Protein backbone atom coordinates (compact mmCIF):
# COMPACT_ATOMS: atom_id res chain seq x y z
CA UNK A 1 0.00 0.00 0.00
CA UNK A 2 1.37 3.42 -0.88
CA UNK A 3 1.38 6.24 1.58
CA UNK A 4 3.30 9.18 2.91
CA UNK A 5 6.03 8.60 5.47
CA UNK A 6 7.19 11.34 7.78
CA UNK A 7 10.41 10.71 9.70
CA UNK A 8 11.85 12.19 12.88
CA UNK A 9 15.27 10.97 14.00
CA UNK A 10 17.07 11.93 17.19
CA UNK A 11 17.42 11.35 20.87
CA UNK A 12 13.97 11.07 22.44
CA UNK A 13 13.55 13.20 25.53
CA UNK A 14 10.57 15.28 26.61
CA UNK A 15 12.71 17.39 28.92
CA UNK A 16 15.64 18.28 26.67
CA UNK A 17 14.37 17.76 23.13
CA UNK A 18 10.70 18.14 22.31
CA UNK A 19 7.08 17.79 23.28
CA UNK A 20 5.45 15.45 20.75
CA UNK A 21 1.88 16.08 21.94
CA UNK A 22 1.08 19.12 19.71
CA UNK A 23 2.23 17.40 16.50
CA UNK A 24 0.45 14.16 17.40
CA UNK A 25 -2.71 16.12 18.21
CA UNK A 26 -2.59 17.80 14.79
CA UNK A 27 -1.99 14.50 13.02
CA UNK A 28 -5.00 13.08 14.84
CA UNK A 29 -7.13 16.03 13.66
CA UNK A 30 -5.94 15.63 10.06
CA UNK A 31 -6.61 11.88 10.05
CA UNK A 32 -10.02 12.35 11.72
CA UNK A 33 -10.86 15.04 9.14
CA UNK A 34 -10.16 12.64 6.29
CA UNK A 35 -7.71 12.57 3.44
CA UNK A 36 -4.63 11.53 5.42
CA UNK A 37 -5.39 7.86 5.95
CA UNK A 38 -2.05 6.82 4.41
CA UNK A 39 0.18 8.92 6.67
CA UNK A 40 2.80 7.14 8.76
CA UNK A 41 5.02 9.05 11.20
CA UNK A 42 8.17 7.17 12.19
CA UNK A 43 9.84 8.50 15.33
CA UNK A 44 13.29 6.93 15.61
CA UNK A 45 15.90 7.52 18.27
CA UNK A 46 17.58 6.61 21.48
CA UNK A 47 15.49 6.75 24.62
CA UNK A 48 15.11 5.26 28.03
CA UNK A 49 12.16 3.11 29.07
CA UNK A 50 10.31 5.91 30.87
CA UNK A 51 10.38 8.24 27.87
CA UNK A 52 9.23 5.46 25.56
CA UNK A 53 6.32 4.63 27.87
CA UNK A 54 5.24 8.28 28.01
CA UNK A 55 5.48 8.65 24.23
CA UNK A 56 3.44 5.47 23.68
CA UNK A 57 0.82 6.76 26.14
CA UNK A 58 0.44 9.98 24.12
CA UNK A 59 0.22 8.00 20.86
CA UNK A 60 -2.40 5.66 22.33
CA UNK A 61 -4.41 8.49 23.90
CA UNK A 62 -4.66 10.06 20.43
CA UNK A 63 -5.61 6.75 18.82
CA UNK A 64 -2.59 6.89 16.51
CA UNK A 65 -1.16 3.41 17.03
CA UNK A 66 -1.68 2.68 13.30
CA UNK A 67 -0.20 6.06 12.22
CA UNK A 68 2.88 6.39 14.45
CA UNK A 69 5.72 3.90 14.69
CA UNK A 70 8.40 4.38 17.34
CA UNK A 71 11.77 2.78 16.59
CA UNK A 72 13.69 3.06 19.81
CA UNK A 73 17.42 2.55 20.05
CA UNK A 74 17.63 1.33 16.45
CA UNK A 75 20.81 0.03 14.85
CA UNK A 76 22.80 2.77 13.09
CA UNK A 77 22.95 0.69 9.91
CA UNK A 78 19.26 1.23 9.24
CA UNK A 79 19.35 5.03 9.49
CA UNK A 80 20.06 5.54 5.78
CA UNK A 81 17.20 3.21 4.88
CA UNK A 82 14.83 5.21 7.08
CA UNK A 83 15.77 8.48 5.39
CA UNK A 84 15.53 6.91 1.93
CA UNK A 85 12.05 5.53 2.67
CA UNK A 86 10.71 8.81 4.08
CA UNK A 87 8.90 11.42 2.03
CA UNK A 88 9.91 14.15 4.46
CA UNK A 89 11.79 14.69 7.69
CA UNK A 90 10.23 16.68 10.50
CA UNK A 91 12.05 18.29 13.39
CA UNK A 92 10.02 19.81 16.15
CA UNK A 93 12.86 20.54 18.54
CA UNK A 94 11.42 23.10 20.93
CA UNK A 95 14.45 23.86 23.08
CA UNK A 96 17.30 26.28 22.49
CA UNK A 97 20.13 23.77 22.61
CA UNK A 98 22.60 24.52 19.82
CA UNK A 99 23.00 21.73 17.36
CA UNK A 100 24.94 21.39 14.13
CA UNK A 101 22.06 19.66 12.40
CA UNK A 102 23.61 16.44 11.13
CA UNK A 103 20.19 14.77 10.92
CA UNK A 104 19.02 17.57 8.60
CA UNK A 105 21.97 16.93 6.30
CA UNK A 106 21.36 13.19 6.41
CA UNK A 107 17.74 13.74 5.42
CA UNK A 108 18.65 16.12 2.61
CA UNK A 109 21.36 13.79 1.31
CA UNK A 110 18.76 10.99 1.07
CA UNK A 111 16.36 13.27 -0.85
CA UNK A 112 14.02 13.63 2.13
CA UNK A 113 12.56 17.10 2.61
CA UNK A 114 13.52 18.53 6.04
CA UNK A 115 10.84 20.58 7.82
CA UNK A 116 12.80 22.29 10.58
CA UNK A 117 12.60 25.35 12.87
CA UNK A 118 14.02 28.61 11.54
CA UNK A 119 16.64 28.78 14.29
CA UNK A 120 19.75 27.10 15.65
CA UNK A 121 22.08 26.21 12.78
CA UNK A 122 19.29 25.17 10.42
CA UNK A 123 19.06 28.46 8.45
CA UNK A 124 22.80 28.27 7.82
CA UNK A 125 22.71 24.64 6.68
CA UNK A 126 19.64 24.95 4.46
CA UNK A 127 20.51 27.11 1.42
CA UNK A 128 18.51 30.35 1.19
CA UNK A 129 16.57 29.25 -1.89
CA UNK A 130 15.02 26.42 0.16
CA UNK A 131 14.09 28.38 3.30
CA UNK A 132 10.48 28.86 2.16
CA UNK A 133 10.03 25.12 1.63
CA UNK A 134 11.91 23.82 4.68
CA UNK A 135 11.94 26.32 7.55
CA UNK A 136 9.08 27.25 9.85
CA UNK A 137 8.85 30.00 12.49
CA UNK A 138 5.97 28.70 14.59
CA UNK A 139 3.82 25.63 15.06
CA UNK A 140 1.13 26.96 12.71
CA UNK A 141 3.68 27.32 9.89
CA UNK A 142 4.92 23.78 10.49
CA UNK A 143 1.38 22.47 10.28
CA UNK A 144 0.74 24.42 7.04
CA UNK A 145 3.89 22.94 5.48
CA UNK A 146 3.00 19.50 6.76
CA UNK A 147 -0.47 19.69 5.19
CA UNK A 148 0.98 20.92 1.89
CA UNK A 149 3.42 18.00 1.72
CA UNK A 150 0.75 15.47 2.74
CA UNK A 151 -1.73 16.75 0.17
CA UNK A 152 0.81 16.71 -2.67
CA UNK A 153 3.93 14.66 -1.83
CA UNK A 154 5.13 14.67 -5.45
CA UNK A 155 5.44 18.47 -5.32
CA UNK A 156 8.60 18.21 -3.21
CA UNK A 157 10.64 15.91 -5.49
CA UNK A 158 12.44 18.72 -7.37
CA UNK A 159 13.33 20.41 -4.08
CA UNK A 160 14.59 17.20 -2.48
CA UNK A 161 16.82 16.39 -5.44
CA UNK A 162 18.34 19.87 -5.38
CA UNK A 163 18.84 19.71 -1.60
CA UNK A 164 20.62 16.37 -1.93
CA UNK A 165 23.15 18.00 -4.23
CA UNK A 166 23.70 20.79 -1.69
CA UNK A 167 24.12 18.29 1.17
CA UNK A 168 26.96 16.61 -0.69
CA UNK A 169 29.10 19.66 0.10
CA UNK A 170 29.24 18.39 3.72
CA UNK A 171 30.37 14.89 2.72
CA UNK A 172 33.19 13.46 4.80
CA UNK A 173 34.86 12.31 1.58
CA UNK A 174 35.14 15.97 0.64
CA UNK A 175 36.34 17.18 4.04
CA UNK A 176 38.63 14.34 5.14
CA UNK A 177 41.55 15.37 2.90
CA UNK A 178 41.45 18.88 4.39
CA UNK A 179 41.64 17.43 7.92
CA UNK A 180 44.49 15.18 6.87
CA UNK A 181 46.49 18.27 5.94
CA UNK A 182 46.22 19.70 9.46
């Protein structure tokens, strides 16, 4: 069965990373409203048992067990496959911890559209010509972009191919020789 896969990869922590409840609530509303029956959100990352239990409680309370898959503490070898299978990557980090954004580059490299906050290092990593498509300033903007992608997933293919080319500039194969000279 075909569908649209959203992916979120990272350490799972309600205290230091993100609150999943608002996004899960919006996904529930979209599914209940019709038209998004084929959406699957995959949340993948390292977490302890308590965090996983809380996340599963939120998913169950929203009735999203068939729409949200949690892959806890997955093997690193499958990360590339997750990005390649996803239609888009979503980051809802709601803290102010500085991060380089390696997961954004991984998503872009695998031709997966990143939907990320317009802060931290993300505006520097995402080329200016893709800010409109990829960056959001508030939860409402994220939800608008999410709906746009879900309603027309094919519309992002040109953008994801171009972003993949840009992400190659961060390739270790490109940078390793420069480090070797140090």
